[in-house]
Amino acid sequence: MSLQRVITDDQDLQIAPVFAQRIDEDVIPKGRLPEDPMPAGVAAGIVQSRLLLDGRAALNLATFCTTAAEPELERIYAETAPINIMNREEYPASSRIEQECVNALAHLWHEDDGRFIGCSTSGSSEAAMLAGLAMLRRWRESGGTGRPNMVFGTHVHVCWPKFCNYWDVEARMVPLAEGRTILDPALTAAAVDENTIGVVAVLGSTQDGRYDPVAEIAAALDGVAADRGVDVPLHVDAASGGFVAPFLDADFAWDFTLPRVVSINASGHKFGLVYPGAGWCLWRDPEHLPESLIFDCNVLGGHHPTFTLNFSRPASGVIAQYYQFLRNGIAGYQLIAQRCQEVARYVAKGVAAIGPFEVISDGEDLPVVALRVRDPEREGFTVYHLSEALKGDGWHVPAYSLPPDLEHVDVIRVVCRQGFTLDLAARFLESLVKHAERLAGHPFPLPEPAAVLSFAD
């Protein structure tokens, strides 16, 4: 999570008279606990009033995360929040549901021999840490010496460089190139050596939604094993694509059908359709998850193996995932993915028809559209100005530069999730045209935008 520092503005919070009348206070401390309790309704009202400046979730085109749920799912979240998924003795039904979800994902990702092992996580970042730890420990227990390294593209999610930083693993980052925003198989093969603990391929980049050519990368690593005797495992970061590719791209080889792929992670809280705080990590065989990493915890009664970076966690994400599996099934997930892609194609076509813009990605992998201003100097504005202007209509879209070697390319990204309908997409395109024309006709030098959003959402 983001790091927070000391509050430097006014330490008191002025509250509305409707609340002040009920607690005989005009202000309450900010960044400190109040001296006395207050009625639940007053506390809830203050919280709600402070959240008024947050954007509307339906117009948030920045995030990959789920922002809307059916009333039935909302109730499940409320009812299962008190359940600690780690307490398997007291909550055996929740534990069983977690096991069934892991089995369902193994089947979806074509692990067919029944030797898989997996777990739920708090999201793909934790799942990535677990997958990385498994590769690191297996490399060490196999006799690895020297400083370990991991190979991935510069376009990976920040969790992978973070893993390397935290566990002192050299991050060998394969550069992108003009016209190529995916991992190059040949460059990947050239980067590995006897100290490489693993390679990470991305099934859906956060920058532009593209899939890495997983089968080609696996084949290149097979060649390394045959030619140099260096057998490097391949992990697939399917944070978003793990719940899209099985339903839209059945002919695209990326999962456990490829023997080189030893583990996969995915975010339930993205296209898995549950709220933030849900992720999954699966290994094709227990041999890829060293027993030395698994703890037998009996503090809650019984003996249960655990592999996690945290401990107590609400069961809500797991139970919500099970609900969505039941609610949608394969046909439902496929329909939702198709609708999201239909909207992405509509947006991409609309953007291409607007003069100043160039489409970088058109939603043909993940339903994500990335666009750039062709000639910012000639047009008189950048994507950063455009991003700020769109906030005036309520749209929240990120503007950012692409990773190293493509950092001169600045783009805006539109994530077409469930809930972003064709009607909303049409309204968005209208806003895009309006603000592009206004910015281009601005008679004064444009100010620098107040802030630049991160692409890592």
Protein backbone atom coordinates (compact mmCIF):
# COMPACT_ATOMS: atom_id res chain seq x y z
CA MET A 1 0.00 0.00 0.00
CA SER A 2 1.03 3.66 -0.32
CA LEU A 3 3.20 5.09 2.44
CA GLN A 4 1.66 7.93 4.47
CA ARG A 5 3.43 10.75 6.30
CA VAL A 6 2.56 13.24 9.04
CA ILE A 7 -0.33 15.61 8.33
CA THR A 8 1.02 19.15 7.90
CA ASP A 9 -2.21 21.09 7.29
CA ASP A 10 -4.76 22.20 9.90
CA GLN A 11 -5.01 19.49 12.54
CA ASP A 12 -8.72 20.07 13.14
CA LEU A 13 -11.60 19.11 10.87
CA GLN A 14 -14.61 21.42 10.79
CA ILE A 15 -17.78 19.40 10.60
CA ALA A 16 -21.23 20.23 9.25
CA PRO A 17 -23.74 21.78 11.70
CA VAL A 18 -26.07 18.80 11.26
CA PHE A 19 -23.38 16.65 12.92
CA ALA A 20 -22.14 19.31 15.34
CA GLN A 21 -25.62 19.67 16.87
CA ARG A 22 -25.58 15.99 17.83
CA ILE A 23 -22.17 15.94 19.52
CA ASP A 24 -21.80 19.57 20.69
CA GLU A 25 -18.58 19.97 18.74
CA ASP A 26 -17.69 22.26 15.84
CA VAL A 27 -14.42 20.55 15.03
CA ILE A 28 -12.82 17.17 15.54
CA PRO A 29 -9.08 16.37 15.44
CA LYS A 30 -7.52 15.32 12.15
CA GLY A 31 -4.85 12.65 12.35
CA ARG A 32 -5.58 11.98 16.04
CA LEU A 33 -8.25 10.01 17.87
CA PRO A 34 -11.06 12.20 19.26
CA GLU A 35 -11.33 12.28 23.03
CA ASP A 36 -14.88 10.93 23.20
CA PRO A 37 -17.05 8.51 21.23
CA MET A 38 -19.81 9.74 18.94
CA PRO A 39 -23.03 8.19 17.62
CA ALA A 40 -22.64 5.76 14.75
CA GLY A 41 -24.77 7.91 12.45
CA VAL A 42 -22.59 10.96 13.06
CA ALA A 43 -19.37 9.03 12.44
CA ALA A 44 -20.81 7.54 9.24
CA GLY A 45 -22.01 10.96 8.06
CA ILE A 46 -18.59 12.52 8.59
CA VAL A 47 -16.93 9.69 6.68
CA GLN A 48 -19.37 10.01 3.79
CA SER A 49 -18.97 13.79 3.61
CA ARG A 50 -15.17 13.44 3.47
CA LEU A 51 -15.44 11.03 0.54
CA LEU A 52 -17.44 13.41 -1.65
CA LEU A 53 -14.32 14.52 -3.54
CA ASP A 54 -13.50 10.96 -4.63
CA GLY A 55 -14.26 10.28 -8.27
CA ARG A 56 -17.25 8.28 -9.44
CA ALA A 57 -16.28 4.65 -9.87
CA ALA A 58 -18.32 4.22 -13.06
CA LEU A 59 -16.26 6.96 -14.76
CA ASN A 60 -12.90 5.65 -13.56
CA LEU A 61 -11.22 4.43 -16.73
CA ALA A 62 -7.83 4.25 -15.03
CA THR A 63 -8.22 1.13 -12.93
CA PHE A 64 -8.32 -2.51 -13.92
CA CYS A 65 -10.08 -3.28 -10.63
CA THR A 66 -13.75 -4.14 -10.28
CA THR A 67 -15.80 -1.10 -9.24
CA ALA A 68 -19.37 -2.44 -9.28
CA ALA A 69 -21.17 -5.51 -7.98
CA GLU A 70 -24.68 -6.89 -7.80
CA PRO A 71 -26.64 -6.42 -4.54
CA GLU A 72 -26.35 -10.15 -3.85
CA LEU A 73 -22.57 -9.92 -3.99
CA GLU A 74 -22.58 -6.82 -1.80
CA ARG A 75 -24.44 -8.81 0.85
CA ILE A 76 -21.95 -11.66 0.60
CA TYR A 77 -19.11 -9.20 1.23
CA ALA A 78 -20.83 -7.84 4.31
CA GLU A 79 -21.73 -11.26 5.68
CA THR A 80 -18.30 -12.85 5.15
CA ALA A 81 -16.07 -9.95 6.23
CA PRO A 82 -15.83 -11.31 9.82
CA ILE A 83 -14.62 -14.73 8.59
CA ASN A 84 -10.85 -15.19 8.88
CA ILE A 85 -9.91 -17.36 5.90
CA MET A 86 -6.80 -18.50 7.80
CA ASN A 87 -8.87 -20.15 10.53
CA ARG A 88 -9.66 -23.39 8.77
CA GLU A 89 -10.78 -25.18 11.90
CA GLU A 90 -13.52 -22.71 12.74
CA TYR A 91 -14.50 -22.00 9.12
CA PRO A 92 -14.14 -25.30 7.24
CA ALA A 93 -16.80 -24.40 4.66
CA SER A 94 -14.89 -21.27 3.60
CA SER A 95 -11.71 -23.31 3.39
CA ARG A 96 -13.45 -25.86 1.20
CA ILE A 97 -14.72 -23.11 -1.09
CA GLU A 98 -11.17 -21.77 -1.46
CA GLN A 99 -10.03 -25.26 -2.46
CA GLU A 100 -12.82 -25.52 -5.03
CA CYS A 101 -11.87 -22.13 -6.53
CA VAL A 102 -8.24 -23.26 -6.90
CA ASN A 103 -9.44 -26.43 -8.62
CA ALA A 104 -11.69 -24.42 -10.95
CA LEU A 105 -8.78 -22.19 -11.96
CA ALA A 106 -6.48 -25.18 -12.51
CA HIS A 107 -9.08 -26.64 -14.87
CA LEU A 108 -9.56 -23.28 -16.63
CA TRP A 109 -5.79 -22.96 -17.12
CA HIS A 110 -5.43 -26.54 -18.40
CA GLU A 111 -3.58 -28.21 -15.54
CA ASP A 112 -5.00 -31.66 -16.23
CA ASP A 113 -2.86 -34.18 -14.34
CA GLY A 114 -4.19 -33.25 -10.89
CA ARG A 115 -0.80 -32.51 -9.34
CA PHE A 116 -1.33 -28.76 -9.05
CA ILE A 117 -1.14 -26.80 -5.82
CA GLY A 118 -2.38 -23.27 -5.23
CA CYS A 119 -3.70 -20.68 -2.83
CA SER A 120 -5.70 -17.49 -2.60
CA THR A 121 -3.87 -14.23 -1.93
CA SER A 122 -4.67 -10.61 -1.18
CA GLY A 123 -4.04 -9.78 -4.85
CA SER A 124 -1.62 -10.39 -7.68
CA SER A 125 1.18 -8.48 -5.98
CA GLU A 126 1.26 -10.93 -3.10
CA ALA A 127 0.84 -13.81 -5.55
CA ALA A 128 3.84 -12.54 -7.52
CA MET A 129 5.92 -12.38 -4.35
CA LEU A 130 5.00 -15.97 -3.54
CA ALA A 131 5.78 -17.18 -7.06
CA GLY A 132 9.10 -15.36 -7.00
CA LEU A 133 10.00 -16.79 -3.59
CA ALA A 134 9.22 -20.30 -4.83
CA MET A 135 11.54 -19.86 -7.82
CA LEU A 136 14.27 -18.33 -5.66
CA ARG A 137 14.16 -21.08 -3.04
CA ARG A 138 14.03 -23.84 -5.65
CA TRP A 139 17.09 -22.36 -7.39
CA ARG A 140 18.99 -22.26 -4.11
CA GLU A 141 18.00 -25.79 -3.10
CA SER A 142 19.06 -27.00 -6.54
CA GLY A 143 22.60 -25.80 -5.87
CA GLY A 144 22.43 -22.26 -7.22
CA THR A 145 25.36 -20.06 -6.23
CA GLY A 146 26.30 -16.48 -6.85
CA ARG A 147 23.75 -13.68 -7.08
CA PRO A 148 20.37 -14.83 -8.42
CA ASN A 149 18.64 -12.93 -11.21
CA MET A 150 15.17 -12.78 -12.71
CA VAL A 151 14.39 -11.86 -16.31
CA PHE A 152 11.35 -9.83 -17.40
CA GLY A 153 10.43 -6.91 -19.62
CA THR A 154 10.51 -3.28 -18.55
CA HIS A 155 6.73 -3.28 -18.96
CA VAL A 156 5.99 -5.57 -16.00
CA HIS A 157 3.92 -4.48 -13.03
CA VAL A 158 5.89 -2.76 -10.27
CA CYS A 159 5.47 -5.84 -8.04
CA TRP A 160 8.25 -7.67 -9.96
CA PRO A 161 11.01 -5.05 -9.55
CA LYS A 162 9.75 -4.76 -5.98
CA PHE A 163 10.24 -8.50 -5.45
CA CYS A 164 13.80 -8.27 -6.79
CA ASN A 165 14.55 -5.30 -4.56
CA TYR A 166 13.13 -6.88 -1.41
CA TRP A 167 14.89 -10.23 -1.84
CA ASP A 168 18.15 -8.99 -3.36
CA VAL A 169 17.60 -10.56 -6.77
CA GLU A 170 19.12 -8.91 -9.83
CA ALA A 171 16.36 -7.63 -12.11
CA ARG A 172 17.41 -8.26 -15.70
CA MET A 173 14.95 -6.09 -17.56
CA VAL A 174 14.58 -6.71 -21.28
CA PRO A 175 14.00 -3.37 -23.06
CA LEU A 176 11.07 -2.57 -25.29
CA ALA A 177 11.55 -1.03 -28.73
CA GLU A 178 9.73 1.22 -31.18
CA GLY A 179 6.75 -0.78 -32.41
CA ARG A 180 7.24 -3.53 -29.80
CA THR A 181 5.73 -3.21 -26.33
CA ILE A 182 5.97 -6.91 -25.49
CA LEU A 183 8.75 -9.22 -24.31
CA ASP A 184 11.12 -10.32 -27.08
CA PRO A 185 11.79 -14.09 -26.92
CA ALA A 186 15.32 -13.92 -28.37
CA LEU A 187 16.42 -11.12 -26.04
CA THR A 188 14.91 -13.04 -23.14
CA ALA A 189 16.85 -16.19 -23.99
CA ALA A 190 20.06 -14.16 -24.30
CA ALA A 191 19.56 -12.64 -20.84
CA VAL A 192 19.28 -15.91 -18.88
CA ASP A 193 22.19 -17.81 -17.35
CA GLU A 194 22.84 -20.41 -14.64
CA ASN A 195 21.86 -17.85 -11.96
CA THR A 196 18.45 -17.08 -13.47
CA ILE A 197 15.75 -18.21 -11.05
CA GLY A 198 12.96 -17.63 -13.57
CA VAL A 199 11.47 -15.61 -16.41
CA VAL A 200 8.21 -13.67 -16.10
CA ALA A 201 5.89 -13.25 -19.09
CA VAL A 202 2.95 -10.86 -18.82
CA LEU A 203 -0.53 -11.75 -20.00
CA GLY A 204 -1.85 -8.22 -20.33
CA SER A 205 0.50 -5.29 -19.75
CA THR A 206 -0.80 -2.49 -17.54
CA GLN A 207 0.53 0.04 -20.07
CA ASP A 208 -1.31 -1.11 -23.19
CA GLY A 209 -3.04 -4.43 -22.47
CA ARG A 210 -0.81 -6.46 -24.82
CA TYR A 211 -0.02 -10.13 -24.23
CA ASP A 212 3.58 -11.30 -24.24
CA PRO A 213 4.16 -14.14 -26.78
CA VAL A 214 4.26 -16.78 -24.05
CA ALA A 215 4.57 -19.82 -26.34
CA GLU A 216 7.48 -18.23 -28.24
CA ILE A 217 9.21 -17.31 -24.99
CA ALA A 218 8.74 -20.87 -23.72
CA ALA A 219 10.19 -22.23 -26.97
CA ALA A 220 13.20 -19.91 -26.66
CA LEU A 221 13.81 -21.15 -23.11
CA ASP A 222 13.48 -24.75 -24.34
CA GLY A 223 16.26 -23.90 -26.78
CA VAL A 224 18.42 -22.54 -23.96
CA ALA A 225 17.92 -25.78 -22.02
CA ALA A 226 18.87 -27.87 -25.05
CA ASP A 227 21.86 -25.78 -26.13
CA ARG A 228 23.32 -24.58 -22.85
CA GLY A 229 21.84 -26.95 -20.28
CA VAL A 230 20.25 -24.07 -18.35
CA ASP A 231 16.71 -25.08 -17.40
CA VAL A 232 14.83 -21.88 -16.51
CA PRO A 233 11.21 -21.96 -15.27
CA LEU A 234 8.62 -19.63 -16.76
CA HIS A 235 6.01 -17.82 -14.67
CA VAL A 236 3.01 -16.11 -16.27
CA ASP A 237 1.72 -12.94 -14.64
CA ALA A 238 -1.90 -13.24 -15.73
CA ALA A 239 -3.15 -10.60 -13.30
CA SER A 240 -5.73 -9.42 -15.84
CA GLY A 241 -5.46 -11.85 -18.74
CA GLY A 242 -6.06 -14.96 -16.64
CA PHE A 243 -9.76 -14.09 -16.61
CA VAL A 244 -9.88 -12.83 -20.21
CA ALA A 245 -7.73 -15.03 -22.48
CA PRO A 246 -9.52 -18.32 -21.63
CA PHE A 247 -12.79 -16.80 -22.83
CA LEU A 248 -11.67 -14.69 -25.80
CA ASP A 249 -8.45 -16.25 -27.08
CA ALA A 250 -8.86 -20.02 -26.85
CA ASP A 251 -6.19 -20.58 -29.51
CA PHE A 252 -3.58 -18.44 -27.76
CA ALA A 253 -1.16 -20.73 -25.89
CA TRP A 254 -0.08 -19.26 -22.57
CA ASP A 255 -1.04 -21.49 -19.63
CA PHE A 256 -0.17 -24.95 -18.26
CA THR A 257 -0.54 -26.45 -21.73
CA LEU A 258 3.05 -25.22 -22.13
CA PRO A 259 5.35 -27.51 -20.08
CA ARG A 260 7.77 -24.62 -19.50
CA VAL A 261 5.10 -22.69 -17.52
CA VAL A 262 5.45 -23.73 -13.88
CA SER A 263 3.25 -21.14 -12.15
CA ILE A 264 0.53 -18.58 -12.87
CA ASN A 265 -0.94 -15.71 -10.87
CA ALA A 266 -4.17 -13.81 -11.46
CA SER A 267 -6.19 -11.07 -9.79
CA GLY A 268 -9.73 -12.00 -8.88
CA HIS A 269 -10.36 -8.30 -8.32
CA LYS A 270 -9.76 -7.34 -11.95
CA PHE A 271 -11.55 -9.24 -14.72
CA GLY A 272 -12.34 -11.94 -12.16
CA LEU A 273 -15.15 -9.53 -11.21
CA VAL A 274 -14.69 -9.25 -7.42
CA TYR A 275 -13.67 -6.22 -5.38
CA PRO A 276 -10.01 -5.42 -4.56
CA GLY A 277 -8.29 -7.80 -2.18
CA ALA A 278 -8.54 -11.08 -4.11
CA GLY A 279 -5.82 -12.94 -5.98
CA TRP A 280 -4.65 -16.44 -6.86
CA CYS A 281 -1.39 -18.28 -7.42
CA LEU A 282 -1.11 -21.82 -8.84
CA TRP A 283 1.84 -24.14 -9.42
CA ARG A 284 1.60 -27.00 -11.92
CA ASP A 285 3.36 -29.41 -9.55
CA PRO A 286 4.35 -29.36 -5.86
CA GLU A 287 7.99 -29.74 -6.93
CA HIS A 288 7.90 -26.09 -8.00
CA LEU A 289 6.83 -24.96 -4.52
CA PRO A 290 9.58 -26.08 -2.10
CA GLU A 291 8.33 -27.58 1.15
CA SER A 292 10.79 -25.40 3.05
CA LEU A 293 8.55 -22.40 2.30
CA ILE A 294 5.41 -24.02 3.70
CA PHE A 295 4.57 -23.51 7.37
CA ASP A 296 2.44 -25.80 9.50
CA CYS A 297 0.37 -23.49 11.66
CA ASN A 298 -1.55 -24.95 14.61
CA VAL A 299 -2.19 -21.78 16.62
CA LEU A 300 -5.85 -21.80 15.60
CA GLY A 301 -6.27 -25.52 16.16
CA GLY A 302 -5.46 -28.40 13.84
CA HIS A 303 -2.53 -28.55 11.46
CA HIS A 304 -2.79 -26.62 8.20
CA PRO A 305 -0.07 -25.83 5.64
CA THR A 306 0.22 -22.15 4.80
CA PHE A 307 2.26 -20.13 2.29
CA THR A 308 1.47 -16.43 2.55
CA LEU A 309 3.05 -13.07 3.31
CA ASN A 310 0.32 -12.07 5.72
CA PHE A 311 -1.88 -14.00 8.12
CA SER A 312 -5.43 -12.97 9.01
CA ARG A 313 -7.54 -11.99 6.02
CA PRO A 314 -11.31 -11.77 5.49
CA ALA A 315 -12.85 -14.59 3.47
CA SER A 316 -14.88 -12.06 1.45
CA GLY A 317 -12.68 -12.15 -1.65
CA VAL A 318 -12.64 -15.94 -1.83
CA ILE A 319 -16.39 -16.30 -1.24
CA ALA A 320 -17.08 -13.51 -3.74
CA GLN A 321 -14.96 -15.30 -6.33
CA TYR A 322 -16.95 -18.49 -5.76
CA TYR A 323 -20.17 -16.49 -6.19
CA GLN A 324 -18.97 -15.11 -9.52
CA PHE A 325 -17.95 -18.58 -10.70
CA LEU A 326 -21.47 -19.81 -9.92
CA ARG A 327 -23.18 -16.68 -11.20
CA ASN A 328 -21.44 -16.51 -14.58
CA GLY A 329 -19.99 -19.87 -15.47
CA ILE A 330 -17.89 -20.13 -18.61
CA ALA A 331 -20.61 -18.70 -20.85
CA GLY A 332 -21.19 -15.70 -18.58
CA TYR A 333 -17.51 -14.82 -18.29
CA GLN A 334 -17.20 -15.17 -22.05
CA LEU A 335 -20.16 -12.85 -22.67
CA ILE A 336 -18.78 -10.22 -20.28
CA ALA A 337 -15.31 -10.41 -21.86
CA GLN A 338 -16.83 -10.12 -25.35
CA ARG A 339 -18.85 -7.07 -24.33
CA CYS A 340 -15.77 -5.41 -22.81
CA GLN A 341 -13.82 -6.07 -26.01
CA GLU A 342 -16.69 -4.76 -28.12
CA VAL A 343 -16.58 -1.49 -26.18
CA ALA A 344 -12.77 -1.33 -26.50
CA ARG A 345 -13.00 -1.77 -30.28
CA TYR A 346 -15.64 0.97 -30.42
CA VAL A 347 -13.43 3.35 -28.44
CA ALA A 348 -10.37 2.52 -30.55
CA LYS A 349 -12.30 3.14 -33.77
CA GLY A 350 -13.65 6.41 -32.42
CA VAL A 351 -10.21 7.60 -31.28
CA ALA A 352 -8.68 6.74 -34.67
CA ALA A 353 -11.24 9.01 -36.32
CA ILE A 354 -10.19 12.00 -34.21
CA GLY A 355 -7.41 13.91 -35.96
CA PRO A 356 -4.78 14.55 -33.26
CA PHE A 357 -4.66 11.00 -31.91
CA GLU A 358 -2.89 7.74 -32.73
CA VAL A 359 -4.07 4.43 -31.31
CA ILE A 360 -1.25 2.50 -29.63
CA SER A 361 -3.34 -0.50 -28.62
CA ASP A 362 -6.82 -1.33 -29.84
CA GLY A 363 -8.24 -3.74 -27.27
CA GLU A 364 -7.54 -6.91 -29.21
CA ASP A 365 -5.76 -8.54 -26.24
CA LEU A 366 -7.08 -7.09 -23.00
CA PRO A 367 -10.01 -4.72 -23.59
CA VAL A 368 -7.68 -1.75 -23.13
CA VAL A 369 -7.16 1.19 -25.48
CA ALA A 370 -4.00 3.31 -25.32
CA LEU A 371 -3.65 6.47 -27.38
CA ARG A 372 -1.12 9.25 -27.91
CA VAL A 373 -1.15 12.75 -29.33
CA ARG A 374 0.61 12.48 -32.69
CA ASP A 375 2.38 15.85 -32.55
CA PRO A 376 1.98 17.60 -29.18
CA GLU A 377 3.92 20.72 -30.29
CA ARG A 378 1.74 21.22 -33.32
CA GLU A 379 -1.49 20.46 -31.51
CA GLY A 380 -0.58 22.65 -28.53
CA PHE A 381 -1.33 20.10 -25.81
CA THR A 382 -0.11 16.81 -24.36
CA VAL A 383 -1.88 13.76 -22.98
CA TYR A 384 -1.22 15.16 -19.50
CA HIS A 385 -3.23 18.29 -20.26
CA LEU A 386 -5.93 16.13 -21.82
CA SER A 387 -6.07 13.87 -18.75
CA GLU A 388 -6.63 16.87 -16.49
CA ALA A 389 -9.21 18.38 -18.83
CA LEU A 390 -11.25 15.17 -18.90
CA LYS A 391 -11.61 15.35 -15.12
CA GLY A 392 -13.90 18.31 -15.73
CA ASP A 393 -16.46 15.89 -17.16
CA GLY A 394 -15.84 13.35 -14.41
CA TRP A 395 -13.59 11.01 -16.41
CA HIS A 396 -10.55 9.66 -14.62
CA VAL A 397 -7.94 8.48 -17.13
CA PRO A 398 -4.20 8.07 -16.53
CA ALA A 399 -1.54 9.77 -18.62
CA TYR A 400 2.00 8.38 -18.43
CA SER A 401 5.15 7.63 -20.38
CA LEU A 402 5.97 4.13 -21.58
CA PRO A 403 8.89 2.22 -19.97
CA PRO A 404 12.61 2.79 -20.73
CA ASP A 405 13.57 2.95 -24.42
CA LEU A 406 10.02 4.12 -25.11
CA GLU A 407 9.86 6.81 -22.42
CA HIS A 408 9.48 9.46 -25.12
CA VAL A 409 6.01 8.05 -25.88
CA ASP A 410 3.30 9.55 -23.66
CA VAL A 411 -0.09 7.86 -23.70
CA ILE A 412 -3.54 7.79 -22.17
CA ARG A 413 -5.07 4.44 -21.24
CA VAL A 414 -8.77 3.51 -21.23
CA VAL A 415 -9.68 0.26 -19.46
CA CYS A 416 -13.00 -1.07 -20.72
CA ARG A 417 -14.29 -3.01 -17.73
CA GLN A 418 -17.75 -4.34 -17.06
CA GLY A 419 -20.00 -1.35 -16.43
CA PHE A 420 -18.33 0.82 -19.08
CA THR A 421 -21.10 0.53 -21.64
CA LEU A 422 -21.25 1.56 -25.29
CA ASP A 423 -23.39 4.52 -24.24
CA LEU A 424 -20.76 5.67 -21.73
CA ALA A 425 -18.06 5.06 -24.34
CA ALA A 426 -19.91 7.38 -26.74
CA ARG A 427 -20.08 10.07 -24.05
CA PHE A 428 -16.36 9.62 -23.39
CA LEU A 429 -15.52 10.09 -27.06
CA GLU A 430 -17.62 13.27 -27.09
CA SER A 431 -15.59 14.57 -24.15
CA LEU A 432 -12.36 13.61 -25.92
CA VAL A 433 -13.33 15.58 -29.04
CA LYS A 434 -14.52 18.58 -27.04
CA HIS A 435 -11.40 18.90 -24.92
CA ALA A 436 -9.02 18.19 -27.79
CA GLU A 437 -10.59 21.06 -29.76
CA ARG A 438 -10.58 23.38 -26.74
CA LEU A 439 -6.97 22.65 -25.83
CA ALA A 440 -5.79 23.02 -29.42
CA GLY A 441 -7.46 26.43 -29.63
CA HIS A 442 -6.13 27.70 -26.30
CA PRO A 443 -4.74 31.23 -26.92
CA PHE A 444 -2.17 31.16 -24.11
CA PRO A 445 0.74 28.85 -23.25
CA LEU A 446 -0.60 25.80 -21.50
CA PRO A 447 0.38 25.37 -17.83
CA GLU A 448 2.11 22.25 -16.70
CA PRO A 449 -0.41 19.69 -15.42
CA ALA A 450 -0.70 19.50 -11.65
CA ALA A 451 0.04 15.79 -11.38
CA VAL A 452 1.05 12.78 -13.44
CA LEU A 453 -0.69 9.49 -12.75
CA SER A 454 1.18 6.21 -12.34
CA PHE A 455 0.56 3.44 -14.87
CA ALA A 456 0.82 0.77 -12.15
CA ASP A 457 -2.86 0.82 -11.12
